[in-house]
Amino acid sequence: LEVELMKQENARLQHTVDNQLYTAVDIERINHEKDELQQTINKLTKELETERQQLWAEELKYARGKESIEAQLHDYHKLARKLKLIPAGLENSRGHDFEIKFNPEDGPHSLTKYRKQIN
C-alpha cells in the first residue's frame, strides 16, 4: 500500500514537471536576462540623470547670458534716449533707427541687421 502511494505521488509529481511551461534552464536564462535588463535600466537611468544635469547647466548658462544681454541692451537704450537717438525721428538720430530689438529665439544672426546698419 505504501509503495503504491509513493508510485502515485511520483506519477503526480512527474505529471506536474512534464506539464510545466518552463524548465529549470529556462528559468535560469530568464533570470539572467532579467539581471541584464536591470543593469541596462540602471545604466540608462544614470545616463539620463547626467543628461538632465547637463541640460539644466546649459539652460542656466543660457538664462544668465540672456539676462546679461538684456541688461546691456537696457543700458544702451537708456543712453540712446538721453542722446536723443531713439526713437527714430529725434534730432540726433538723423533718420536712422538706433533702437535694437533683441529676440534670442531668432538665432545667432538676429543682430546681423544692426551690424550692417553700423558699417
PDB file of N, CA and C in Angstrom:
ATOM      1  N   LEU A   1       0.836  -1.201   0.000  1.00  0.00           N
ATOM      2  CA  LEU A   1       0.000   0.000   0.000  1.00  0.00           C
ATOM      3  C   LEU A   1       0.876   1.258   0.000  1.00  0.00           C
ATOM      4  N   GLU A   2       1.888   1.260   0.837  1.00  0.00           N
ATOM      5  CA  GLU A   2       2.775   2.415   0.916  1.00  0.00           C
ATOM      6  C   GLU A   2       3.554   2.603  -0.386  1.00  0.00           C
ATOM      7  N   VAL A   3       3.984   1.528  -0.980  1.00  0.00           N
ATOM      8  CA  VAL A   3       4.699   1.586  -2.250  1.00  0.00           C
ATOM      9  C   VAL A   3       3.776   2.137  -3.326  1.00  0.00           C
ATOM     10  N   GLU A   4       2.541   1.711  -3.301  1.00  0.00           N
ATOM     11  CA  GLU A   4       1.556   2.181  -4.283  1.00  0.00           C
ATOM     12  C   GLU A   4       1.317   3.684  -4.123  1.00  0.00           C
ATOM     13  N   LEU A   5       1.217   4.162  -2.894  1.00  0.00           N
ATOM     14  CA  LEU A   5       1.037   5.595  -2.643  1.00  0.00           C
ATOM     15  C   LEU A   5       2.243   6.390  -3.141  1.00  0.00           C
ATOM     16  N   MET A   6       3.444   5.836  -2.940  1.00  0.00           N
ATOM     17  CA  MET A   6       4.655   6.503  -3.410  1.00  0.00           C
ATOM     18  C   MET A   6       4.680   6.567  -4.933  1.00  0.00           C
ATOM     19  N   LYS A   7       4.245   5.487  -5.589  1.00  0.00           N
ATOM     20  CA  LYS A   7       4.201   5.467  -7.049  1.00  0.00           C
ATOM     21  C   LYS A   7       3.214   6.514  -7.564  1.00  0.00           C
ATOM     22  N   GLN A   8       2.058   6.603  -6.876  1.00  0.00           N
ATOM     23  CA  GLN A   8       1.052   7.603  -7.281  1.00  0.00           C
ATOM     24  C   GLN A   8       1.592   9.030  -7.097  1.00  0.00           C
ATOM     25  N   GLU A   9       2.265   9.232  -5.965  1.00  0.00           N
ATOM     26  CA  GLU A   9       2.848  10.555  -5.703  1.00  0.00           C
ATOM     27  C   GLU A   9       3.913  10.879  -6.745  1.00  0.00           C
ATOM     28  N   ASN A  10       4.771   9.912  -7.063  1.00  0.00           N
ATOM     29  CA  ASN A  10       5.793  10.110  -8.097  1.00  0.00           C
ATOM     30  C   ASN A  10       5.151  10.400  -9.448  1.00  0.00           C
ATOM     31  N   ALA A  11       4.086   9.679  -9.774  1.00  0.00           N
ATOM     32  CA  ALA A  11       3.391   9.892 -11.048  1.00  0.00           C
ATOM     33  C   ALA A  11       2.785  11.298 -11.084  1.00  0.00           C
ATOM     34  N   ARG A  12       2.190  11.712  -9.961  1.00  0.00           N
ATOM     35  CA  ARG A  12       1.601  13.057  -9.888  1.00  0.00           C
ATOM     36  C   ARG A  12       2.682  14.126 -10.050  1.00  0.00           C
ATOM     37  N   LEU A  13       3.792  13.966  -9.351  1.00  0.00           N
ATOM     38  CA  LEU A  13       4.888  14.924  -9.446  1.00  0.00           C
ATOM     39  C   LEU A  13       5.495  14.937 -10.849  1.00  0.00           C
ATOM     40  N   GLN A  14       5.650  13.760 -11.455  1.00  0.00           N
ATOM     41  CA  GLN A  14       6.187  13.691 -12.811  1.00  0.00           C
ATOM     42  C   GLN A  14       5.247  14.377 -13.784  1.00  0.00           C
ATOM     43  N   HIS A  15       3.947  14.195 -13.585  1.00  0.00           N
ATOM     44  CA  HIS A  15       2.950  14.856 -14.434  1.00  0.00           C
ATOM     45  C   HIS A  15       3.070  16.385 -14.296  1.00  0.00           C
ATOM     46  N   THR A  16       3.261  16.847 -13.058  1.00  0.00           N
ATOM     47  CA  THR A  16       3.420  18.285 -12.814  1.00  0.00           C
ATOM     48  C   THR A  16       4.665  18.812 -13.523  1.00  0.00           C
ATOM     49  N   VAL A  17       5.776  18.095 -13.399  1.00  0.00           N
ATOM     50  CA  VAL A  17       7.023  18.506 -14.050  1.00  0.00           C
ATOM     51  C   VAL A  17       6.861  18.500 -15.565  1.00  0.00           C
ATOM     52  N   ASP A  18       6.231  17.460 -16.096  1.00  0.00           N
ATOM     53  CA  ASP A  18       6.043  17.350 -17.548  1.00  0.00           C
ATOM     54  C   ASP A  18       5.171  18.468 -18.100  1.00  0.00           C
ATOM     55  N   ASN A  19       4.254  18.958 -17.300  1.00  0.00           N
ATOM     56  CA  ASN A  19       3.318  19.985 -17.766  1.00  0.00           C
ATOM     57  C   ASN A  19       3.769  21.416 -17.454  1.00  0.00           C
ATOM     58  N   GLN A  20       4.928  21.561 -16.838  1.00  0.00           N
ATOM     59  CA  GLN A  20       5.432  22.906 -16.564  1.00  0.00           C
ATOM     60  C   GLN A  20       5.794  23.593 -17.876  1.00  0.00           C
ATOM     61  N   LEU A  21       5.494  24.906 -17.932  1.00  0.00           N
ATOM     62  CA  LEU A  21       5.813  25.675 -19.128  1.00  0.00           C
ATOM     63  C   LEU A  21       7.307  25.937 -19.244  1.00  0.00           C
ATOM     64  N   TYR A  22       7.986  26.066 -18.117  1.00  0.00           N
ATOM     65  CA  TYR A  22       9.400  26.431 -18.121  1.00  0.00           C
ATOM     66  C   TYR A  22      10.228  25.358 -17.433  1.00  0.00           C
ATOM     67  N   THR A  23      11.373  25.095 -18.010  1.00  0.00           N
ATOM     68  CA  THR A  23      12.309  24.171 -17.378  1.00  0.00           C
ATOM     69  C   THR A  23      13.217  24.974 -16.456  1.00  0.00           C
ATOM     70  N   ALA A  24      14.022  24.278 -15.687  1.00  0.00           N
ATOM     71  CA  ALA A  24      14.967  24.952 -14.794  1.00  0.00           C
ATOM     72  C   ALA A  24      15.954  25.791 -15.608  1.00  0.00           C
ATOM     73  N   VAL A  25      16.349  25.294 -16.770  1.00  0.00           N
ATOM     74  CA  VAL A  25      17.253  26.036 -17.651  1.00  0.00           C
ATOM     75  C   VAL A  25      16.567  27.307 -18.149  1.00  0.00           C
ATOM     76  N   ASP A  26      15.273  27.189 -18.504  1.00  0.00           N
ATOM     77  CA  ASP A  26      14.519  28.365 -18.951  1.00  0.00           C
ATOM     78  C   ASP A  26      14.472  29.422 -17.852  1.00  0.00           C
ATOM     79  N   ILE A  27      14.225  28.980 -16.644  1.00  0.00           N
ATOM     80  CA  ILE A  27      14.124  29.916 -15.518  1.00  0.00           C
ATOM     81  C   ILE A  27      15.474  30.586 -15.266  1.00  0.00           C
ATOM     82  N   GLU A  28      16.562  29.814 -15.360  1.00  0.00           N
ATOM     83  CA  GLU A  28      17.895  30.395 -15.208  1.00  0.00           C
ATOM     84  C   GLU A  28      18.161  31.441 -16.280  1.00  0.00           C
ATOM     85  N   ARG A  29      17.817  31.101 -17.518  1.00  0.00           N
ATOM     86  CA  ARG A  29      18.015  32.030 -18.638  1.00  0.00           C
ATOM     87  C   ARG A  29      17.183  33.290 -18.439  1.00  0.00           C
ATOM     88  N   ILE A  30      15.941  33.128 -18.032  1.00  0.00           N
ATOM     89  CA  ILE A  30      15.052  34.277 -17.804  1.00  0.00           C
ATOM     90  C   ILE A  30      15.612  35.165 -16.694  1.00  0.00           C
ATOM     91  N   ASN A  31      16.079  34.553 -15.625  1.00  0.00           N
ATOM     92  CA  ASN A  31      16.654  35.335 -14.524  1.00  0.00           C
ATOM     93  C   ASN A  31      17.916  36.069 -14.965  1.00  0.00           C
ATOM     94  N   HIS A  32      18.731  35.410 -15.790  1.00  0.00           N
ATOM     95  CA  HIS A  32      19.940  36.055 -16.313  1.00  0.00           C
ATOM     96  C   HIS A  32      19.559  37.253 -17.187  1.00  0.00           C
ATOM     97  N   GLU A  33      18.581  37.065 -18.067  1.00  0.00           N
ATOM     98  CA  GLU A  33      18.125  38.162 -18.927  1.00  0.00           C
ATOM     99  C   GLU A  33      17.533  39.296 -18.096  1.00  0.00           C
ATOM    100  N   LYS A  34      16.803  38.930 -17.048  1.00  0.00           N
ATOM    101  CA  LYS A  34      16.225  39.942 -16.157  1.00  0.00           C
ATOM    102  C   LYS A  34      17.331  40.768 -15.504  1.00  0.00           C
ATOM    103  N   ASP A  35      18.395  40.095 -15.042  1.00  0.00           N
ATOM    104  CA  ASP A  35      19.524  40.805 -14.431  1.00  0.00           C
ATOM    105  C   ASP A  35      20.199  41.735 -15.435  1.00  0.00           C
ATOM    106  N   GLU A  36      20.391  41.242 -16.666  1.00  0.00           N
ATOM    107  CA  GLU A  36      20.996  42.084 -17.701  1.00  0.00           C
ATOM    108  C   GLU A  36      20.129  43.304 -17.999  1.00  0.00           C
ATOM    109  N   LEU A  37      18.822  43.095 -18.082  1.00  0.00           N
ATOM    110  CA  LEU A  37      17.912  44.214 -18.339  1.00  0.00           C
ATOM    111  C   LEU A  37      17.942  45.217 -17.192  1.00  0.00           C
ATOM    112  N   GLN A  38      18.022  44.731 -15.970  1.00  0.00           N
ATOM    113  CA  GLN A  38      18.078  45.631 -14.815  1.00  0.00           C
ATOM    114  C   GLN A  38      19.358  46.457 -14.852  1.00  0.00           C
ATOM    115  N   GLN A  39      20.470  45.828 -15.242  1.00  0.00           N
ATOM    116  CA  GLN A  39      21.730  46.563 -15.360  1.00  0.00           C
ATOM    117  C   GLN A  39      21.627  47.635 -16.443  1.00  0.00           C
ATOM    118  N   THR A  40      20.981  47.284 -17.549  1.00  0.00           N
ATOM    119  CA  THR A  40      20.792  48.251 -18.630  1.00  0.00           C
ATOM    120  C   THR A  40      19.927  49.414 -18.158  1.00  0.00           C
ATOM    121  N   ILE A  41      18.868  49.106 -17.435  1.00  0.00           N
ATOM    122  CA  ILE A  41      17.989  50.154 -16.896  1.00  0.00           C
ATOM    123  C   ILE A  41      18.777  51.066 -15.962  1.00  0.00           C
ATOM    124  N   ASN A  42      19.578  50.477 -15.091  1.00  0.00           N
ATOM    125  CA  ASN A  42      20.380  51.277 -14.155  1.00  0.00           C
ATOM    126  C   ASN A  42      21.353  52.184 -14.901  1.00  0.00           C
ATOM    127  N   LYS A  43      22.017  51.633 -15.918  1.00  0.00           N
ATOM    128  CA  LYS A  43      22.977  52.409 -16.708  1.00  0.00           C
ATOM    129  C   LYS A  43      22.271  53.558 -17.420  1.00  0.00           C
ATOM    130  N   LEU A  44      21.141  53.258 -18.054  1.00  0.00           N
ATOM    131  CA  LEU A  44      20.412  54.292 -18.788  1.00  0.00           C
ATOM    132  C   LEU A  44      19.835  55.347 -17.850  1.00  0.00           C
ATOM    133  N   THR A  45      19.433  54.940 -16.670  1.00  0.00           N
ATOM    134  CA  THR A  45      18.921  55.891 -15.686  1.00  0.00           C
ATOM    135  C   THR A  45      20.024  56.867 -15.272  1.00  0.00           C
ATOM    136  N   LYS A  46      21.237  56.346 -15.061  1.00  0.00           N
ATOM    137  CA  LYS A  46      22.369  57.218 -14.723  1.00  0.00           C
ATOM    138  C   LYS A  46      22.675  58.171 -15.872  1.00  0.00           C
ATOM    139  N   GLU A  47      22.669  57.639 -17.102  1.00  0.00           N
ATOM    140  CA  GLU A  47      22.943  58.484 -18.269  1.00  0.00           C
ATOM    141  C   GLU A  47      21.883  59.576 -18.407  1.00  0.00           C
ATOM    142  N   LEU A  48      20.626  59.210 -18.174  1.00  0.00           N
ATOM    143  CA  LEU A  48      19.540  60.184 -18.255  1.00  0.00           C
ATOM    144  C   LEU A  48      19.733  61.283 -17.220  1.00  0.00           C
ATOM    145  N   GLU A  49      20.093  60.902 -16.017  1.00  0.00           N
ATOM    146  CA  GLU A  49      20.310  61.894 -14.957  1.00  0.00           C
ATOM    147  C   GLU A  49      21.469  62.820 -15.321  1.00  0.00           C
ATOM    148  N   THR A  50      22.529  62.255 -15.872  1.00  0.00           N
ATOM    149  CA  THR A  50      23.670  63.067 -16.312  1.00  0.00           C
ATOM    150  C   THR A  50      23.240  64.051 -17.391  1.00  0.00           C
ATOM    151  N   GLU A  51      22.467  63.571 -18.359  1.00  0.00           N
ATOM    152  CA  GLU A  51      21.980  64.440 -19.438  1.00  0.00           C
ATOM    153  C   GLU A  51      21.070  65.538 -18.892  1.00  0.00           C
ATOM    154  N   ARG A  52      20.239  65.198 -17.927  1.00  0.00           N
ATOM    155  CA  ARG A  52      19.357  66.210 -17.325  1.00  0.00           C
ATOM    156  C   ARG A  52      20.172  67.286 -16.614  1.00  0.00           C
ATOM    157  N   GLN A  53      21.219  66.860 -15.915  1.00  0.00           N
ATOM    158  CA  GLN A  53      22.070  67.828 -15.224  1.00  0.00           C
ATOM    159  C   GLN A  53      22.783  68.736 -16.223  1.00  0.00           C
ATOM    160  N   GLN A  54      23.256  68.150 -17.326  1.00  0.00           N
ATOM    161  CA  GLN A  54      23.919  68.960 -18.354  1.00  0.00           C
ATOM    162  C   GLN A  54      22.930  69.930 -18.988  1.00  0.00           C
ATOM    163  N   LEU A  55      21.710  69.459 -19.233  1.00  0.00           N
ATOM    164  CA  LEU A  55      20.680  70.332 -19.800  1.00  0.00           C
ATOM    165  C   LEU A  55      20.382  71.483 -18.847  1.00  0.00           C
ATOM    166  N   TRP A  56      20.251  71.177 -17.569  1.00  0.00           N
ATOM    167  CA  TRP A  56      19.992  72.212 -16.570  1.00  0.00           C
ATOM    168  C   TRP A  56      21.118  73.246 -16.573  1.00  0.00           C
ATOM    169  N   ALA A  57      22.369  72.769 -16.633  1.00  0.00           N
ATOM    170  CA  ALA A  57      23.513  73.684 -16.647  1.00  0.00           C
ATOM    171  C   ALA A  57      23.480  74.567 -17.892  1.00  0.00           C
ATOM    172  N   GLU A  58      23.137  73.992 -19.041  1.00  0.00           N
ATOM    173  CA  GLU A  58      23.060  74.771 -20.285  1.00  0.00           C
ATOM    174  C   GLU A  58      21.920  75.786 -20.226  1.00  0.00           C
ATOM    175  N   GLU A  59      20.783  75.373 -19.676  1.00  0.00           N
ATOM    176  CA  GLU A  59      19.655  76.303 -19.557  1.00  0.00           C
ATOM    177  C   GLU A  59      20.006  77.462 -18.632  1.00  0.00           C
ATOM    178  N   LEU A  60      20.705  77.157 -17.554  1.00  0.00           N
ATOM    179  CA  LEU A  60      21.126  78.194 -16.613  1.00  0.00           C
ATOM    180  C   LEU A  60      22.113  79.148 -17.285  1.00  0.00           C
ATOM    181  N   LYS A  61      23.062  78.591 -18.027  1.00  0.00           N
ATOM    182  CA  LYS A  61      24.037  79.404 -18.761  1.00  0.00           C
ATOM    183  C   LYS A  61      23.318  80.297 -19.778  1.00  0.00           C
ATOM    184  N   TYR A  62      22.350  79.730 -20.484  1.00  0.00           N
ATOM    185  CA  TYR A  62      21.568  80.490 -21.470  1.00  0.00           C
ATOM    186  C   TYR A  62      20.814  81.631 -20.790  1.00  0.00           C
ATOM    187  N   ALA A  63      20.158  81.318 -19.669  1.00  0.00           N
ATOM    188  CA  ALA A  63      19.368  82.329 -18.962  1.00  0.00           C
ATOM    189  C   ALA A  63      20.258  83.470 -18.462  1.00  0.00           C
ATOM    190  N   ARG A  64      21.423  83.120 -17.943  1.00  0.00           N
ATOM    191  CA  ARG A  64      22.341  84.163 -17.460  1.00  0.00           C
ATOM    192  C   ARG A  64      22.843  85.030 -18.611  1.00  0.00           C
ATOM    193  N   GLY A  65      23.167  84.392 -19.725  1.00  0.00           N
ATOM    194  CA  GLY A  65      23.609  85.147 -20.899  1.00  0.00           C
ATOM    195  C   GLY A  65      22.526  86.067 -21.414  1.00  0.00           C
ATOM    196  N   LYS A  66      21.313  85.552 -21.452  1.00  0.00           N
ATOM    197  CA  LYS A  66      20.177  86.352 -21.920  1.00  0.00           C
ATOM    198  C   LYS A  66      19.951  87.546 -20.994  1.00  0.00           C
ATOM    199  N   GLU A  67      20.004  87.300 -19.692  1.00  0.00           N
ATOM    200  CA  GLU A  67      19.831  88.391 -18.727  1.00  0.00           C
ATOM    201  C   GLU A  67      20.914  89.450 -18.896  1.00  0.00           C
ATOM    202  N   SER A  68      22.137  89.013 -19.123  1.00  0.00           N
ATOM    203  CA  SER A  68      23.244  89.949 -19.309  1.00  0.00           C
ATOM    204  C   SER A  68      23.025  90.804 -20.555  1.00  0.00           C
ATOM    205  N   ILE A  69      22.636  90.166 -21.644  1.00  0.00           N
ATOM    206  CA  ILE A  69      22.379  90.906 -22.887  1.00  0.00           C
ATOM    207  C   ILE A  69      21.232  91.888 -22.694  1.00  0.00           C
ATOM    208  N   GLU A  70      20.175  91.438 -22.026  1.00  0.00           N
ATOM    209  CA  GLU A  70      19.026  92.322 -21.804  1.00  0.00           C
ATOM    210  C   GLU A  70      19.413  93.519 -20.940  1.00  0.00           C
ATOM    211  N   ALA A  71      20.261  93.300 -19.936  1.00  0.00           N
ATOM    212  CA  ALA A  71      20.707  94.409 -19.082  1.00  0.00           C
ATOM    213  C   ALA A  71      21.553  95.400 -19.887  1.00  0.00           C
ATOM    214  N   GLN A  72      22.454  94.880 -20.719  1.00  0.00           N
ATOM    215  CA  GLN A  72      23.277  95.757 -21.557  1.00  0.00           C
ATOM    216  C   GLN A  72      22.410  96.520 -22.553  1.00  0.00           C
ATOM    217  N   LEU A  73      21.434  95.838 -23.103  1.00  0.00           N
ATOM    218  CA  LEU A  73      20.533  96.478 -24.060  1.00  0.00           C
ATOM    219  C   LEU A  73      19.707  97.570 -23.381  1.00  0.00           C
ATOM    220  N   HIS A  74      19.285  97.309 -22.150  1.00  0.00           N
ATOM    221  CA  HIS A  74      18.545  98.310 -21.380  1.00  0.00           C
ATOM    222  C   HIS A  74      19.415  99.558 -21.174  1.00  0.00           C
ATOM    223  N   ASP A  75      20.668  99.332 -20.788  1.00  0.00           N
ATOM    224  CA  ASP A  75      21.594 100.461 -20.594  1.00  0.00           C
ATOM    225  C   ASP A  75      21.808 101.224 -21.902  1.00  0.00           C
ATOM    226  N   TYR A  76      21.959 100.490 -22.995  1.00  0.00           N
ATOM    227  CA  TYR A  76      22.144 101.119 -24.309  1.00  0.00           C
ATOM    228  C   TYR A  76      20.941 101.994 -24.658  1.00  0.00           C
ATOM    229  N   HIS A  77      19.737 101.449 -24.488  1.00  0.00           N
ATOM    230  CA  HIS A  77      18.532 102.216 -24.828  1.00  0.00           C
ATOM    231  C   HIS A  77      18.387 103.449 -23.930  1.00  0.00           C
ATOM    232  N   LYS A  78      18.736 103.289 -22.672  1.00  0.00           N
ATOM    233  CA  LYS A  78      18.663 104.421 -21.742  1.00  0.00           C
ATOM    234  C   LYS A  78      19.600 105.543 -22.206  1.00  0.00           C
ATOM    235  N   LEU A  79      20.822 105.174 -22.559  1.00  0.00           N
ATOM    236  CA  LEU A  79      21.788 106.159 -23.037  1.00  0.00           C
ATOM    237  C   LEU A  79      21.354 106.747 -24.386  1.00  0.00           C
ATOM    238  N   ALA A  80      20.838 105.898 -25.267  1.00  0.00           N
ATOM    239  CA  ALA A  80      20.393 106.373 -26.587  1.00  0.00           C
ATOM    240  C   ALA A  80      19.245 107.367 -26.444  1.00  0.00           C
ATOM    241  N   ARG A  81      18.379 107.165 -25.457  1.00  0.00           N
ATOM    242  CA  ARG A  81      17.295 108.133 -25.219  1.00  0.00           C
ATOM    243  C   ARG A  81      17.870 109.464 -24.721  1.00  0.00           C
ATOM    244  N   LYS A  82      18.857 109.364 -23.818  1.00  0.00           N
ATOM    245  CA  LYS A  82      19.495 110.583 -23.316  1.00  0.00           C
ATOM    246  C   LYS A  82      20.146 111.373 -24.445  1.00  0.00           C
ATOM    247  N   LEU A  83      20.748 110.648 -25.369  1.00  0.00           N
ATOM    248  CA  LEU A  83      21.420 111.293 -26.502  1.00  0.00           C
ATOM    249  C   LEU A  83      20.450 111.649 -27.627  1.00  0.00           C
ATOM    250  N   LYS A  84      19.189 111.379 -27.399  1.00  0.00           N
ATOM    251  CA  LYS A  84      18.120 111.662 -28.361  1.00  0.00           C
ATOM    252  C   LYS A  84      18.363 110.961 -29.708  1.00  0.00           C
ATOM    253  N   LEU A  85      18.777 109.685 -29.592  1.00  0.00           N
ATOM    254  CA  LEU A  85      18.946 108.856 -30.786  1.00  0.00           C
ATOM    255  C   LEU A  85      17.708 107.994 -31.039  1.00  0.00           C
ATOM    256  N   ILE A  86      16.998 107.691 -29.976  1.00  0.00           N
ATOM    257  CA  ILE A  86      15.742 106.941 -30.123  1.00  0.00           C
ATOM    258  C   ILE A  86      14.665 107.677 -29.349  1.00  0.00           C
ATOM    259  N   PRO A  87      13.467 107.592 -29.827  1.00  0.00           N
ATOM    260  CA  PRO A  87      13.009 106.872 -31.022  1.00  0.00           C
ATOM    261  C   PRO A  87      13.482 107.562 -32.303  1.00  0.00           C
ATOM    262  N   ALA A  88      13.394 106.811 -33.387  1.00  0.00           N
ATOM    263  CA  ALA A  88      13.811 107.343 -34.692  1.00  0.00           C
ATOM    264  C   ALA A  88      13.018 108.608 -34.971  1.00  0.00           C
ATOM    265  N   GLY A  89      13.653 109.560 -35.564  1.00  0.00           N
ATOM    266  CA  GLY A  89      12.972 110.816 -35.858  1.00  0.00           C
ATOM    267  C   GLY A  89      13.391 111.937 -34.934  1.00  0.00           C
ATOM    268  N   LEU A  90      14.040 111.597 -33.831  1.00  0.00           N
ATOM    269  CA  LEU A  90      14.553 112.662 -32.967  1.00  0.00           C
ATOM    270  C   LEU A  90      15.751 113.316 -33.643  1.00  0.00           C
ATOM    271  N   GLU A  91      16.082 114.515 -33.171  1.00  0.00           N
ATOM    272  CA  GLU A  91      17.079 115.349 -33.855  1.00  0.00           C
ATOM    273  C   GLU A  91      18.426 114.669 -34.095  1.00  0.00           C
ATOM    274  N   ASN A  92      18.917 113.894 -33.136  1.00  0.00           N
ATOM    275  CA  ASN A  92      20.245 113.298 -33.296  1.00  0.00           C
ATOM    276  C   ASN A  92      20.242 111.963 -34.049  1.00  0.00           C
ATOM    277  N   SER A  93      19.075 111.419 -34.306  1.00  0.00           N
ATOM    278  CA  SER A  93      19.029 110.124 -34.996  1.00  0.00           C
ATOM    279  C   SER A  93      19.298 110.252 -36.488  1.00  0.00           C
ATOM    280  N   ARG A  94      19.050 111.466 -37.019  1.00  0.00           N
ATOM    281  CA  ARG A  94      19.279 111.756 -38.434  1.00  0.00           C
ATOM    282  C   ARG A  94      18.660 110.701 -39.349  1.00  0.00           C
ATOM    283  N   GLY A  95      17.460 110.292 -38.982  1.00  0.00           N
ATOM    284  CA  GLY A  95      16.706 109.364 -39.824  1.00  0.00           C
ATOM    285  C   GLY A  95      17.036 107.897 -39.628  1.00  0.00           C
ATOM    286  N   HIS A  96      17.991 107.608 -38.773  1.00  0.00           N
ATOM    287  CA  HIS A  96      18.346 106.206 -38.515  1.00  0.00           C
ATOM    288  C   HIS A  96      17.553 105.691 -37.319  1.00  0.00           C
ATOM    289  N   ASP A  97      17.274 104.399 -37.356  1.00  0.00           N
ATOM    290  CA  ASP A  97      16.591 103.760 -36.231  1.00  0.00           C
ATOM    291  C   ASP A  97      17.646 103.073 -35.373  1.00  0.00           C
ATOM    292  N   PHE A  98      17.960 103.663 -34.235  1.00  0.00           N
ATOM    293  CA  PHE A  98      19.000 103.124 -33.369  1.00  0.00           C
ATOM    294  C   PHE A  98      18.462 102.169 -32.302  1.00  0.00           C
ATOM    295  N   GLU A  99      17.175 101.945 -32.304  1.00  0.00           N
ATOM    296  CA  GLU A  99      16.610 101.018 -31.317  1.00  0.00           C
ATOM    297  C   GLU A  99      16.948  99.589 -31.725  1.00  0.00           C
ATOM    298  N   ILE A 100      17.367  98.800 -30.750  1.00  0.00           N
ATOM    299  CA  ILE A 100      17.717  97.399 -31.006  1.00  0.00           C
ATOM    300  C   ILE A 100      16.647  96.519 -30.381  1.00  0.00           C
ATOM    301  N   LYS A 101      16.071  95.711 -31.233  1.00  0.00           N
ATOM    302  CA  LYS A 101      15.075  94.743 -30.761  1.00  0.00           C
ATOM    303  C   LYS A 101      15.754  93.381 -30.712  1.00  0.00           C
ATOM    304  N   PHE A 102      15.848  92.829 -29.519  1.00  0.00           N
ATOM    305  CA  PHE A 102      16.567  91.566 -29.318  1.00  0.00           C
ATOM    306  C   PHE A 102      15.580  90.452 -29.043  1.00  0.00           C
ATOM    307  N   ASN A 103      15.653  89.404 -29.871  1.00  0.00           N
ATOM    308  CA  ASN A 103      14.837  88.212 -29.660  1.00  0.00           C
ATOM    309  C   ASN A 103      15.752  86.998 -29.806  1.00  0.00           C
ATOM    310  N   PRO A 104      16.157  86.392 -28.685  1.00  0.00           N
ATOM    311  CA  PRO A 104      17.112  85.279 -28.756  1.00  0.00           C
ATOM    312  C   PRO A 104      16.582  84.079 -29.541  1.00  0.00           C
ATOM    313  N   GLU A 105      15.281  83.956 -29.657  1.00  0.00           N
ATOM    314  CA  GLU A 105      14.709  82.840 -30.405  1.00  0.00           C
ATOM    315  C   GLU A 105      14.957  82.977 -31.907  1.00  0.00           C
ATOM    316  N   ASP A 106      15.360  84.176 -32.352  1.00  0.00           N
ATOM    317  CA  ASP A 106      15.656  84.381 -33.772  1.00  0.00           C
ATOM    318  C   ASP A 106      16.989  83.763 -34.176  1.00  0.00           C
ATOM    319  N   GLY A 107      17.763  83.323 -33.219  1.00  0.00           N
ATOM    320  CA  GLY A 107      19.017  82.652 -33.529  1.00  0.00           C
ATOM    321  C   GLY A 107      20.209  83.581 -33.493  1.00  0.00           C
ATOM    322  N   PRO A 108      21.369  83.036 -33.846  1.00  0.00           N
ATOM    323  CA  PRO A 108      22.612  83.798 -33.717  1.00  0.00           C
ATOM    324  C   PRO A 108      22.725  84.978 -34.675  1.00  0.00           C
ATOM    325  N   HIS A 109      21.936  85.002 -35.722  1.00  0.00           N
ATOM    326  CA  HIS A 109      22.037  86.081 -36.708  1.00  0.00           C
ATOM    327  C   HIS A 109      20.987  87.171 -36.491  1.00  0.00           C
ATOM    328  N   SER A 110      20.347  87.159 -35.326  1.00  0.00           N
ATOM    329  CA  SER A 110      19.271  88.120 -35.078  1.00  0.00           C
ATOM    330  C   SER A 110      19.769  89.565 -35.028  1.00  0.00           C
ATOM    331  N   LEU A 111      21.035  89.760 -34.739  1.00  0.00           N
ATOM    332  CA  LEU A 111      21.575  91.121 -34.638  1.00  0.00           C
ATOM    333  C   LEU A 111      22.366  91.541 -35.875  1.00  0.00           C
ATOM    334  N   THR A 112      22.396  90.693 -36.891  1.00  0.00           N
ATOM    335  CA  THR A 112      23.170  90.975 -38.105  1.00  0.00           C
ATOM    336  C   THR A 112      22.738  92.267 -38.772  1.00  0.00           C
ATOM    337  N   LYS A 113      21.440  92.517 -38.807  1.00  0.00           N
ATOM    338  CA  LYS A 113      20.950  93.733 -39.485  1.00  0.00           C
ATOM    339  C   LYS A 113      21.478  94.996 -38.810  1.00  0.00           C
ATOM    340  N   TYR A 114      21.688  94.942 -37.497  1.00  0.00           N
ATOM    341  CA  TYR A 114      22.218  96.111 -36.791  1.00  0.00           C
ATOM    342  C   TYR A 114      23.690  96.325 -37.120  1.00  0.00           C
ATOM    343  N   ARG A 115      24.420  95.229 -37.276  1.00  0.00           N
ATOM    344  CA  ARG A 115      25.828  95.349 -37.674  1.00  0.00           C
ATOM    345  C   ARG A 115      25.935  95.979 -39.059  1.00  0.00           C
ATOM    346  N   LYS A 116      25.038  95.589 -39.951  1.00  0.00           N
ATOM    347  CA  LYS A 116      25.047  96.140 -41.310  1.00  0.00           C
ATOM    348  C   LYS A 116      24.737  97.634 -41.286  1.00  0.00           C
ATOM    349  N   GLN A 117      23.835  98.050 -40.393  1.00  0.00           N
ATOM    350  CA  GLN A 117      23.494  99.474 -40.285  1.00  0.00           C
ATOM    351  C   GLN A 117      24.703 100.292 -39.847  1.00  0.00           C
ATOM    352  N   ILE A 118      25.498  99.719 -38.965  1.00  0.00           N
ATOM    353  CA  ILE A 118      26.647 100.440 -38.420  1.00  0.00           C
ATOM    354  C   ILE A 118      27.727 100.616 -39.479  1.00  0.00           C
ATOM    355  N   ASN A 119      27.948  99.597 -40.276  1.00  0.00           N
ATOM    356  CA  ASN A 119      29.032  99.641 -41.282  1.00  0.00           C
ATOM    357  C   ASN A 119      28.630 100.396 -42.469  1.00  0.00           C
TER     358      ASN A 119
END
